Amino acid sequence: MGFAERFPRWTSAVLAIIQLALTAVIIGLEIKSIFIDLAHGTIWVGFWASLIFIKTLVMMLFITCCCRGRCCATYVLAWNIFSGILACVTIYFDRTFINDPCKCYLGDKLCCAVRSVDSFRTNYTSILDQCGQAIANNDKTALQWCSTGSPPYDKVQYLKAQLGCAVGMLISCALYVVIYIFACLGICFGHD
């Protein structure tokens, strides 16, 4: 019995569909989170990690229908390991921002000026004036309006959901690794 028989099509197809759903939800939650507050409580991990998740799930679908050999499965194994690592990174950042939704990596000046998407449409001129005044006076308290004003607690629920999806992605990647190892062990030890 060869590798293709020990590595059934349905396993990679089911895992690819699960990864597709999780990736779509991660991207959607990132969009919603950014809409609430563009700068605070995000490093946009949902977007850049999803680029790798998408590549992984496309390769998983590819080995389901086209390339059933061990070489292709090994290539997809490497992508699943990389996706698993990025799922861990997503978990880390989501956990960090759940604990501190005012955390901002853009620096005080940009964090002061960049707020919710709605602020761009309604009162962005007053925000720029306020931040310009705080910068001119070197007023650190005014620059950190998030912690003193209105922390984006609304986005915490979306970050928790994204964290759950990242855990699901990590589990699906780990399942692929386990299935791959079982298929390889079946060949290496000659089980029929």
Protein backbone atom coordinates (compact mmCIF):
# COMPACT_ATOMS: atom_id res chain seq x y z
CA MET A 1 0.00 0.00 0.00
CA GLY A 2 1.54 3.33 -1.11
CA PHE A 3 1.56 6.74 0.49
CA ALA A 4 -1.45 7.96 -1.51
CA GLU A 5 -3.57 5.09 -0.17
CA ARG A 6 -2.41 5.65 3.41
CA PHE A 7 -3.09 9.37 3.09
CA PRO A 8 -6.78 9.46 2.14
CA ARG A 9 -8.20 12.34 0.09
CA TRP A 10 -11.01 13.07 2.50
CA THR A 11 -8.63 13.99 5.34
CA SER A 12 -6.91 16.76 3.42
CA ALA A 13 -10.25 17.91 1.95
CA VAL A 14 -11.95 18.16 5.36
CA LEU A 15 -8.96 19.93 6.92
CA ALA A 16 -8.78 22.35 3.96
CA ILE A 17 -12.47 23.22 4.30
CA ILE A 18 -12.05 23.76 8.05
CA GLN A 19 -9.02 25.98 7.40
CA LEU A 20 -10.96 27.89 4.74
CA ALA A 21 -13.80 28.61 7.17
CA LEU A 22 -11.43 29.59 9.99
CA THR A 23 -9.41 31.87 7.70
CA ALA A 24 -12.54 33.61 6.45
CA VAL A 25 -13.74 34.18 10.01
CA ILE A 26 -10.31 35.44 11.13
CA ILE A 27 -10.27 37.98 8.29
CA GLY A 28 -13.86 39.05 9.00
CA LEU A 29 -13.17 39.51 12.69
CA GLU A 30 -10.04 41.52 11.90
CA ILE A 31 -12.07 43.83 9.64
CA LYS A 32 -14.71 44.31 12.34
CA SER A 33 -12.04 44.89 14.98
CA ILE A 34 -10.31 47.50 12.84
CA PHE A 35 -13.60 49.23 12.15
CA ILE A 36 -14.06 49.71 15.91
CA ASP A 37 -10.53 51.09 16.42
CA LEU A 38 -7.88 51.21 13.74
CA ALA A 39 -4.78 51.69 15.87
CA HIS A 40 -5.46 50.32 19.34
CA GLY A 41 -5.62 46.67 20.23
CA THR A 42 -4.39 45.44 16.89
CA ILE A 43 -1.31 44.75 14.84
CA TRP A 44 -3.51 43.50 11.97
CA VAL A 45 -2.31 39.93 12.56
CA GLY A 46 -5.54 38.59 11.09
CA PHE A 47 -4.58 39.97 7.69
CA TRP A 48 -0.93 39.04 7.40
CA ALA A 49 -1.28 35.63 9.03
CA SER A 50 -4.22 34.84 6.74
CA LEU A 51 -1.99 35.25 3.70
CA ILE A 52 -0.12 32.12 4.83
CA PHE A 53 -3.33 30.38 5.92
CA ILE A 54 -4.78 30.92 2.43
CA LYS A 55 -1.65 29.51 0.75
CA THR A 56 -1.80 26.48 3.05
CA LEU A 57 -5.45 25.71 2.43
CA VAL A 58 -5.04 26.12 -1.34
CA MET A 59 -2.17 23.64 -1.26
CA MET A 60 -4.29 21.30 0.86
CA LEU A 61 -7.04 21.43 -1.77
CA PHE A 62 -4.40 20.86 -4.46
CA ILE A 63 -3.13 17.64 -2.86
CA THR A 64 -6.73 16.50 -2.43
CA CYS A 65 -7.40 16.46 -6.14
CA CYS A 66 -4.16 16.60 -8.09
CA CYS A 67 -0.89 15.64 -6.47
CA ARG A 68 -1.27 12.69 -4.13
CA GLY A 69 2.39 11.83 -3.71
CA ARG A 70 4.60 12.03 -0.69
CA CYS A 71 6.60 14.93 -2.12
CA CYS A 72 3.55 17.17 -2.42
CA ALA A 73 2.28 16.09 1.00
CA THR A 74 5.68 16.97 2.50
CA TYR A 75 5.54 20.41 0.89
CA VAL A 76 2.08 20.95 2.41
CA LEU A 77 3.42 19.66 5.73
CA ALA A 78 5.94 22.54 5.75
CA TRP A 79 3.13 25.05 5.03
CA ASN A 80 0.98 23.56 7.80
CA ILE A 81 3.84 23.88 10.27
CA PHE A 82 4.34 27.50 9.21
CA SER A 83 0.59 28.14 9.52
CA GLY A 84 0.62 26.54 12.96
CA ILE A 85 3.41 28.89 14.03
CA LEU A 86 1.45 31.87 12.71
CA ALA A 87 -1.65 30.62 14.52
CA CYS A 88 0.44 30.73 17.72
CA VAL A 89 1.52 34.29 16.86
CA THR A 90 -2.14 35.22 16.32
CA ILE A 91 -3.04 33.66 19.67
CA TYR A 92 -0.25 35.64 21.35
CA PHE A 93 -1.31 39.00 19.91
CA ASP A 94 -5.01 38.39 20.50
CA ARG A 95 -4.28 37.47 24.11
CA THR A 96 -2.11 40.58 24.52
CA PHE A 97 -4.82 42.86 23.15
CA ILE A 98 -7.59 41.20 25.16
CA ASN A 99 -5.62 42.07 28.29
CA ASP A 100 -4.87 45.63 27.08
CA PRO A 101 -7.19 46.91 24.33
CA CYS A 102 -5.40 50.30 24.41
CA LYS A 103 -2.07 48.80 23.39
CA CYS A 104 -0.75 50.51 20.25
CA TYR A 105 2.41 49.78 18.27
CA LEU A 106 2.25 52.89 16.08
CA GLY A 107 3.77 55.37 18.52
CA ASP A 108 2.04 58.02 20.62
CA LYS A 109 1.47 60.53 17.81
CA LEU A 110 -0.17 58.12 15.38
CA CYS A 111 -2.05 56.34 18.15
CA CYS A 112 -3.54 59.67 19.18
CA ALA A 113 -4.57 60.59 15.64
CA VAL A 114 -5.78 57.21 14.38
CA ARG A 115 -8.98 56.06 16.04
CA SER A 116 -12.17 54.41 14.85
CA VAL A 117 -13.21 54.44 11.21
CA ASP A 118 -16.25 56.53 12.16
CA SER A 119 -13.95 59.27 13.50
CA PHE A 120 -12.56 59.77 10.00
CA ARG A 121 -16.04 60.69 8.77
CA THR A 122 -17.30 62.76 11.66
CA ASN A 123 -14.80 64.65 13.80
CA TYR A 124 -11.34 63.96 12.44
CA THR A 125 -10.42 67.65 12.24
CA SER A 126 -11.00 68.07 15.96
CA ILE A 127 -8.99 64.90 16.66
CA LEU A 128 -6.06 66.26 14.64
CA ASP A 129 -6.32 69.60 16.45
CA GLN A 130 -6.38 67.85 19.83
CA CYS A 131 -3.39 65.63 18.96
CA GLY A 132 -1.49 68.57 17.42
CA GLN A 133 -2.00 70.56 20.61
CA ALA A 134 -0.87 67.59 22.75
CA ILE A 135 2.23 67.14 20.60
CA ALA A 136 3.05 70.87 20.80
CA ASN A 137 2.68 70.84 24.59
CA ASN A 138 4.37 67.42 24.92
CA ASP A 139 1.32 66.28 26.88
CA LYS A 140 1.70 62.49 27.21
CA THR A 141 -1.66 62.13 28.94
CA ALA A 142 -3.54 63.68 26.02
CA LEU A 143 -1.56 61.59 23.54
CA GLN A 144 -2.72 58.45 25.32
CA TRP A 145 -6.43 59.28 25.02
CA CYS A 146 -7.40 55.61 24.77
CA SER A 147 -6.57 54.70 28.36
CA THR A 148 -7.95 57.96 29.76
CA GLY A 149 -10.87 58.44 27.36
CA SER A 150 -12.74 55.58 25.80
CA PRO A 151 -10.90 52.26 25.56
CA PRO A 152 -12.18 50.08 22.71
CA TYR A 153 -13.73 47.41 24.92
CA ASP A 154 -16.19 46.60 22.11
CA LYS A 155 -13.43 44.91 20.16
CA VAL A 156 -12.49 42.50 22.97
CA GLN A 157 -15.32 40.12 22.04
CA TYR A 158 -14.05 40.03 18.44
CA LEU A 159 -10.49 39.43 19.62
CA LYS A 160 -11.71 36.53 21.77
CA ALA A 161 -13.51 35.03 18.78
CA GLN A 162 -10.42 35.49 16.63
CA LEU A 163 -8.34 33.82 19.33
CA GLY A 164 -10.71 30.84 19.24
CA CYS A 165 -10.38 30.61 15.46
CA ALA A 166 -6.59 30.77 15.75
CA VAL A 167 -6.72 27.87 18.21
CA GLY A 168 -8.88 25.97 15.71
CA MET A 169 -6.32 26.72 12.97
CA LEU A 170 -3.52 25.44 15.19
CA ILE A 171 -5.47 22.23 15.86
CA SER A 172 -6.21 21.67 12.16
CA CYS A 173 -2.53 22.16 11.29
CA ALA A 174 -1.52 19.75 14.04
CA LEU A 175 -4.03 17.19 12.76
CA TYR A 176 -2.48 17.37 9.30
CA VAL A 177 0.97 16.78 10.80
CA VAL A 178 -0.31 13.74 12.73
CA ILE A 179 -2.06 12.28 9.69
CA TYR A 180 1.05 12.84 7.58
CA ILE A 181 3.24 11.08 10.16
CA PHE A 182 0.85 8.14 10.35
CA ALA A 183 0.89 7.83 6.56
CA CYS A 184 4.70 7.91 6.54
CA LEU A 185 5.02 5.37 9.33
CA GLY A 186 2.74 3.02 7.43
CA ILE A 187 5.14 3.12 4.47
CA CYS A 188 8.35 3.02 6.52
CA PHE A 189 7.27 -0.04 8.51
CA GLY A 190 5.61 -1.77 5.56
CA HIS A 191 2.11 -2.15 7.04
CA ASP A 192 -0.55 -3.35 4.60
